[in-house]
Amino acid sequence: MPAKIRLQRHGRKRYAYYHIVIADSRAPRDGSNIERIGSYNPNTNPATIELDFDKAIDWLAKGAQPTDTVRAILSYKGVMYKKHLLGGVAKGAFTAEEAETKFDAWVTEKANKVQAKKDGLVSNSETSRKAQFDLETKKNTERLNAIAKRNAEAVAAARAAAAPAPAPAPVAEEVAEEAAPEETEG
């Protein structure tokens, strides 16, 4: 029976998550499986992968063939690298302790990369949130200044309309004074 390590789809429409399963290659995608060895949720950032490391290595050693997507997931988690190192130990290229040291160094490097990505995502979201807040604050102050200017113009116009105009009365007196000297001359 040719065994495959593949993804089995679960979840609702447009929000799928997957179980990583060992299944007969002739079985349908979501059909029966031999064993479930993990899960993969691509909806989170970064994607959430839970994997039983020892079972995955055991099934790879038994000859189970991973699909392309599962091969990428196994490589991401280090299962394929561990299998490669175990093959080197079996051939006598290096000892098991050297293989374990190499694998531990790879795991710590990978964990640092993943943590840096998570920190980058958090800092980017905080930076964008702060930039958005600054932009909103600037727009609000511009609106408040425009409203204050309109209100000041309206108050000035209302005061000008309410106050009596003293200018026309002196003009009438000047006209009367000019008319009076003409009468005395004649």
C-alpha atoms as a PDB file:
ATOM      1  CA  MET A   1       0.000   0.000   0.000  1.00  0.00           C
ATOM      2  CA  PRO A   2       1.675   3.258  -1.118  1.00  0.00           C
ATOM      3  CA  ALA A   3       1.377   5.754   1.727  1.00  0.00           C
ATOM      4  CA  LYS A   4       1.288   9.522   1.239  1.00  0.00           C
ATOM      5  CA  ILE A   5       1.747  12.324   3.739  1.00  0.00           C
ATOM      6  CA  ARG A   6      -0.784  14.930   2.654  1.00  0.00           C
ATOM      7  CA  LEU A   7      -3.215  17.605   3.747  1.00  0.00           C
ATOM      8  CA  GLN A   8      -6.829  16.885   4.608  1.00  0.00           C
ATOM      9  CA  ARG A   9      -9.084  19.953   4.309  1.00  0.00           C
ATOM     10  CA  HIS A  10     -11.342  21.073   7.163  1.00  0.00           C
ATOM     11  CA  GLY A  11     -13.104  24.285   8.090  1.00  0.00           C
ATOM     12  CA  ARG A  12     -15.658  26.413   6.350  1.00  0.00           C
ATOM     13  CA  LYS A  13     -15.680  27.983   2.930  1.00  0.00           C
ATOM     14  CA  ARG A  14     -12.813  30.460   2.372  1.00  0.00           C
ATOM     15  CA  TYR A  15     -11.460  29.728   5.862  1.00  0.00           C
ATOM     16  CA  ALA A  16      -9.834  26.334   5.559  1.00  0.00           C
ATOM     17  CA  TYR A  17      -7.402  24.653   7.883  1.00  0.00           C
ATOM     18  CA  TYR A  18      -5.760  21.331   7.246  1.00  0.00           C
ATOM     19  CA  HIS A  19      -4.832  18.153   9.077  1.00  0.00           C
ATOM     20  CA  ILE A  20      -1.521  16.618   8.091  1.00  0.00           C
ATOM     21  CA  VAL A  21      -2.314  12.928   7.668  1.00  0.00           C
ATOM     22  CA  ILE A  22      -0.824   9.661   6.489  1.00  0.00           C
ATOM     23  CA  ALA A  23      -3.210   8.176   3.915  1.00  0.00           C
ATOM     24  CA  ASP A  24      -3.316   5.606   1.167  1.00  0.00           C
ATOM     25  CA  SER A  25      -2.502   7.383  -2.092  1.00  0.00           C
ATOM     26  CA  ARG A  26      -5.623   5.870  -3.706  1.00  0.00           C
ATOM     27  CA  ALA A  27      -7.988   7.264  -1.038  1.00  0.00           C
ATOM     28  CA  PRO A  28      -9.886  10.508  -1.690  1.00  0.00           C
ATOM     29  CA  ARG A  29      -8.501  13.794  -0.323  1.00  0.00           C
ATOM     30  CA  ASP A  30     -10.862  14.014   2.643  1.00  0.00           C
ATOM     31  CA  GLY A  31     -11.410  10.279   2.905  1.00  0.00           C
ATOM     32  CA  SER A  32     -10.060   7.786   5.393  1.00  0.00           C
ATOM     33  CA  ASN A  33      -6.547   8.150   6.694  1.00  0.00           C
ATOM     34  CA  ILE A  34      -4.097   5.917   8.489  1.00  0.00           C
ATOM     35  CA  GLU A  35      -2.856   8.419  11.059  1.00  0.00           C
ATOM     36  CA  ARG A  36      -3.055  12.135  11.816  1.00  0.00           C
ATOM     37  CA  ILE A  37       0.366  13.624  12.579  1.00  0.00           C
ATOM     38  CA  GLY A  38      -0.385  17.345  12.763  1.00  0.00           C
ATOM     39  CA  SER A  39      -2.331  20.385  11.603  1.00  0.00           C
ATOM     40  CA  TYR A  40      -1.707  23.433   9.432  1.00  0.00           C
ATOM     41  CA  ASN A  41      -3.630  26.707   9.672  1.00  0.00           C
ATOM     42  CA  PRO A  42      -2.694  29.152   6.888  1.00  0.00           C
ATOM     43  CA  ASN A  43      -5.184  31.778   8.140  1.00  0.00           C
ATOM     44  CA  THR A  44      -2.818  33.139  10.788  1.00  0.00           C
ATOM     45  CA  ASN A  45       0.276  35.224  10.121  1.00  0.00           C
ATOM     46  CA  PRO A  46       2.712  33.465  10.251  1.00  0.00           C
ATOM     47  CA  ALA A  47       0.895  30.194   9.528  1.00  0.00           C
ATOM     48  CA  THR A  48       0.335  27.922  12.525  1.00  0.00           C
ATOM     49  CA  ILE A  49       1.870  24.471  12.165  1.00  0.00           C
ATOM     50  CA  GLU A  50       1.530  21.745  14.792  1.00  0.00           C
ATOM     51  CA  LEU A  51       3.419  18.582  13.978  1.00  0.00           C
ATOM     52  CA  ASP A  52       4.340  15.351  15.763  1.00  0.00           C
ATOM     53  CA  PHE A  53       8.002  15.425  14.798  1.00  0.00           C
ATOM     54  CA  ASP A  54       8.847  11.825  15.701  1.00  0.00           C
ATOM     55  CA  LYS A  55       5.860  10.329  13.855  1.00  0.00           C
ATOM     56  CA  ALA A  56       6.723  12.357  10.742  1.00  0.00           C
ATOM     57  CA  ILE A  57      10.326  11.100  10.740  1.00  0.00           C
ATOM     58  CA  ASP A  58       9.116   7.553  11.388  1.00  0.00           C
ATOM     59  CA  TRP A  59       6.704   7.632   8.437  1.00  0.00           C
ATOM     60  CA  LEU A  60       9.326   9.169   6.155  1.00  0.00           C
ATOM     61  CA  ALA A  61      11.703   6.367   7.162  1.00  0.00           C
ATOM     62  CA  LYS A  62       8.984   3.806   6.330  1.00  0.00           C
ATOM     63  CA  GLY A  63       8.758   5.258   2.812  1.00  0.00           C
ATOM     64  CA  ALA A  64       5.725   7.555   2.942  1.00  0.00           C
ATOM     65  CA  GLN A  65       5.959  10.193   0.204  1.00  0.00           C
ATOM     66  CA  PRO A  66       4.961  13.761   1.125  1.00  0.00           C
ATOM     67  CA  THR A  67       3.046  15.920  -1.335  1.00  0.00           C
ATOM     68  CA  ASP A  68       4.681  19.166  -2.459  1.00  0.00           C
ATOM     69  CA  THR A  69       2.875  21.326   0.097  1.00  0.00           C
ATOM     70  CA  VAL A  70       3.522  18.904   2.926  1.00  0.00           C
ATOM     71  CA  ARG A  71       7.176  18.637   1.872  1.00  0.00           C
ATOM     72  CA  ALA A  72       7.436  22.445   2.233  1.00  0.00           C
ATOM     73  CA  ILE A  73       5.794  22.276   5.669  1.00  0.00           C
ATOM     74  CA  LEU A  74       8.096  19.458   6.787  1.00  0.00           C
ATOM     75  CA  SER A  75      11.118  21.405   5.545  1.00  0.00           C
ATOM     76  CA  TYR A  76       9.934  24.494   7.414  1.00  0.00           C
ATOM     77  CA  LYS A  77       9.671  22.505  10.651  1.00  0.00           C
ATOM     78  CA  GLY A  78      13.014  20.738  10.098  1.00  0.00           C
ATOM     79  CA  VAL A  79      11.768  17.185   9.570  1.00  0.00           C
ATOM     80  CA  MET A  80      13.402  16.866   6.156  1.00  0.00           C
ATOM     81  CA  TYR A  81      16.712  18.229   7.498  1.00  0.00           C
ATOM     82  CA  LYS A  82      16.599  15.786  10.421  1.00  0.00           C
ATOM     83  CA  LYS A  83      15.943  12.913   7.984  1.00  0.00           C
ATOM     84  CA  HIS A  84      18.895  14.079   5.909  1.00  0.00           C
ATOM     85  CA  LEU A  85      21.151  14.153   8.981  1.00  0.00           C
ATOM     86  CA  LEU A  86      19.996  10.698  10.075  1.00  0.00           C
ATOM     87  CA  GLY A  87      20.868   9.417   6.591  1.00  0.00           C
ATOM     88  CA  GLY A  88      24.367  10.836   7.027  1.00  0.00           C
ATOM     89  CA  VAL A  89      24.695   9.074  10.393  1.00  0.00           C
ATOM     90  CA  ALA A  90      23.572   5.789   8.827  1.00  0.00           C
ATOM     91  CA  LYS A  91      26.228   6.136   6.108  1.00  0.00           C
ATOM     92  CA  GLY A  92      28.905   6.942   8.681  1.00  0.00           C
ATOM     93  CA  ALA A  93      29.600  10.489   7.471  1.00  0.00           C
ATOM     94  CA  PHE A  94      29.392  11.821  11.039  1.00  0.00           C
ATOM     95  CA  THR A  95      28.247  10.766  14.490  1.00  0.00           C
ATOM     96  CA  ALA A  96      24.771  11.084  15.999  1.00  0.00           C
ATOM     97  CA  GLU A  97      26.034  13.759  18.429  1.00  0.00           C
ATOM     98  CA  GLU A  98      27.344  15.881  15.547  1.00  0.00           C
ATOM     99  CA  ALA A  99      24.017  15.484  13.767  1.00  0.00           C
ATOM    100  CA  GLU A 100      22.126  16.528  16.898  1.00  0.00           C
ATOM    101  CA  THR A 101      24.394  19.578  17.323  1.00  0.00           C
ATOM    102  CA  LYS A 102      23.832  20.644  13.711  1.00  0.00           C
ATOM    103  CA  PHE A 103      20.096  20.185  14.070  1.00  0.00           C
ATOM    104  CA  ASP A 104      19.928  22.164  17.339  1.00  0.00           C
ATOM    105  CA  ALA A 105      21.864  25.030  15.727  1.00  0.00           C
ATOM    106  CA  TRP A 106      19.431  25.012  12.798  1.00  0.00           C
ATOM    107  CA  VAL A 107      16.411  25.014  15.143  1.00  0.00           C
ATOM    108  CA  THR A 108      17.670  28.017  17.133  1.00  0.00           C
ATOM    109  CA  GLU A 109      18.438  29.935  13.929  1.00  0.00           C
ATOM    110  CA  LYS A 110      14.974  29.142  12.569  1.00  0.00           C
ATOM    111  CA  ALA A 111      13.308  30.181  15.847  1.00  0.00           C
ATOM    112  CA  ASN A 112      15.163  33.510  15.726  1.00  0.00           C
ATOM    113  CA  LYS A 113      13.973  34.129  12.148  1.00  0.00           C
ATOM    114  CA  VAL A 114      10.359  33.354  13.054  1.00  0.00           C
ATOM    115  CA  GLN A 115      10.522  35.582  16.143  1.00  0.00           C
ATOM    116  CA  ALA A 116      12.029  38.407  14.071  1.00  0.00           C
ATOM    117  CA  LYS A 117       9.156  38.111  11.612  1.00  0.00           C
ATOM    118  CA  LYS A 118       6.585  38.219  14.417  1.00  0.00           C
ATOM    119  CA  ASP A 119       8.302  41.247  15.975  1.00  0.00           C
ATOM    120  CA  GLY A 120       8.414  42.938  12.571  1.00  0.00           C
ATOM    121  CA  LEU A 121       4.699  42.364  12.065  1.00  0.00           C
ATOM    122  CA  VAL A 122       3.907  43.813  15.501  1.00  0.00           C
ATOM    123  CA  SER A 123       6.142  46.859  15.012  1.00  0.00           C
ATOM    124  CA  ASN A 124       4.725  47.468  11.511  1.00  0.00           C
ATOM    125  CA  SER A 125       1.174  47.372  12.832  1.00  0.00           C
ATOM    126  CA  GLU A 126       2.068  49.732  15.692  1.00  0.00           C
ATOM    127  CA  THR A 127       3.848  52.112  13.308  1.00  0.00           C
ATOM    128  CA  SER A 128       0.930  52.153  10.882  1.00  0.00           C
ATOM    129  CA  ARG A 129      -1.530  52.655  13.740  1.00  0.00           C
ATOM    130  CA  LYS A 130       0.511  55.614  15.051  1.00  0.00           C
ATOM    131  CA  ALA A 131       0.795  57.137  11.564  1.00  0.00           C
ATOM    132  CA  GLN A 132      -2.972  56.807  11.107  1.00  0.00           C
ATOM    133  CA  PHE A 133      -3.576  58.448  14.495  1.00  0.00           C
ATOM    134  CA  ASP A 134      -1.255  61.352  13.608  1.00  0.00           C
ATOM    135  CA  LEU A 135      -3.031  61.836  10.289  1.00  0.00           C
ATOM    136  CA  GLU A 136      -6.442  61.860  11.988  1.00  0.00           C
ATOM    137  CA  THR A 137      -5.197  64.358  14.581  1.00  0.00           C
ATOM    138  CA  LYS A 138      -3.907  66.660  11.834  1.00  0.00           C
ATOM    139  CA  LYS A 139      -7.227  66.507   9.953  1.00  0.00           C
ATOM    140  CA  ASN A 140      -9.180  67.183  13.131  1.00  0.00           C
ATOM    141  CA  THR A 141      -7.117  70.288  13.936  1.00  0.00           C
ATOM    142  CA  GLU A 142      -7.575  71.539  10.357  1.00  0.00           C
ATOM    143  CA  ARG A 143     -11.341  71.051  10.644  1.00  0.00           C
ATOM    144  CA  LEU A 144     -11.462  72.783  14.025  1.00  0.00           C
ATOM    145  CA  ASN A 145      -9.463  75.736  12.648  1.00  0.00           C
ATOM    146  CA  ALA A 146     -11.794  76.014   9.633  1.00  0.00           C
ATOM    147  CA  ILE A 147     -14.871  75.908  11.891  1.00  0.00           C
ATOM    148  CA  ALA A 148     -13.374  78.518  14.248  1.00  0.00           C
ATOM    149  CA  LYS A 149     -12.603  80.794  11.285  1.00  0.00           C
ATOM    150  CA  ARG A 150     -16.155  80.466   9.925  1.00  0.00           C
ATOM    151  CA  ASN A 151     -17.610  81.148  13.383  1.00  0.00           C
ATOM    152  CA  ALA A 152     -15.387  84.221  13.829  1.00  0.00           C
ATOM    153  CA  GLU A 153     -16.478  85.576  10.437  1.00  0.00           C
ATOM    154  CA  ALA A 154     -20.145  84.956  11.323  1.00  0.00           C
ATOM    155  CA  VAL A 155     -19.768  86.723  14.689  1.00  0.00           C
ATOM    156  CA  ALA A 156     -18.040  89.704  13.038  1.00  0.00           C
ATOM    157  CA  ALA A 157     -20.785  89.938  10.416  1.00  0.00           C
ATOM    158  CA  ALA A 158     -23.476  89.752  13.115  1.00  0.00           C
ATOM    159  CA  ARG A 159     -21.794  92.530  15.149  1.00  0.00           C
ATOM    160  CA  ALA A 160     -21.464  94.705  12.044  1.00  0.00           C
ATOM    161  CA  ALA A 161     -25.149  94.223  11.239  1.00  0.00           C
ATOM    162  CA  ALA A 162     -26.277  94.910  14.829  1.00  0.00           C
ATOM    163  CA  ALA A 163     -24.243  98.121  15.347  1.00  0.00           C
ATOM    164  CA  PRO A 164     -25.804 101.385  13.952  1.00  0.00           C
ATOM    165  CA  ALA A 165     -23.860 103.005  11.165  1.00  0.00           C
ATOM    166  CA  PRO A 166     -22.593 106.425  12.485  1.00  0.00           C
ATOM    167  CA  ALA A 167     -21.128 107.434   9.114  1.00  0.00           C
ATOM    168  CA  PRO A 168     -24.321 108.681   7.363  1.00  0.00           C
ATOM    169  CA  ALA A 169     -25.237 111.223  10.075  1.00  0.00           C
ATOM    170  CA  PRO A 170     -22.002 113.292   9.819  1.00  0.00           C
ATOM    171  CA  VAL A 171     -22.329 113.389   6.055  1.00  0.00           C
ATOM    172  CA  ALA A 172     -25.766 114.996   6.384  1.00  0.00           C
ATOM    173  CA  GLU A 173     -24.365 117.660   8.761  1.00  0.00           C
ATOM    174  CA  GLU A 174     -21.549 118.481   6.349  1.00  0.00           C
ATOM    175  CA  VAL A 175     -24.034 118.928   3.542  1.00  0.00           C
ATOM    176  CA  ALA A 176     -26.111 121.260   5.757  1.00  0.00           C
ATOM    177  CA  GLU A 177     -23.017 123.324   6.664  1.00  0.00           C
ATOM    178  CA  GLU A 178     -22.039 123.727   3.035  1.00  0.00           C
ATOM    179  CA  ALA A 179     -25.536 124.791   2.106  1.00  0.00           C
ATOM    180  CA  ALA A 180     -25.744 127.421   4.885  1.00  0.00           C
ATOM    181  CA  PRO A 181     -22.762 129.615   3.788  1.00  0.00           C
ATOM    182  CA  GLU A 182     -24.134 129.869   0.269  1.00  0.00           C
ATOM    183  CA  GLU A 183     -27.345 131.425   1.600  1.00  0.00           C
ATOM    184  CA  THR A 184     -25.528 134.151   3.575  1.00  0.00           C
ATOM    185  CA  GLU A 185     -23.542 135.360   0.601  1.00  0.00           C
ATOM    186  CA  GLY A 186     -26.451 136.026  -1.586  1.00  0.00           C
END
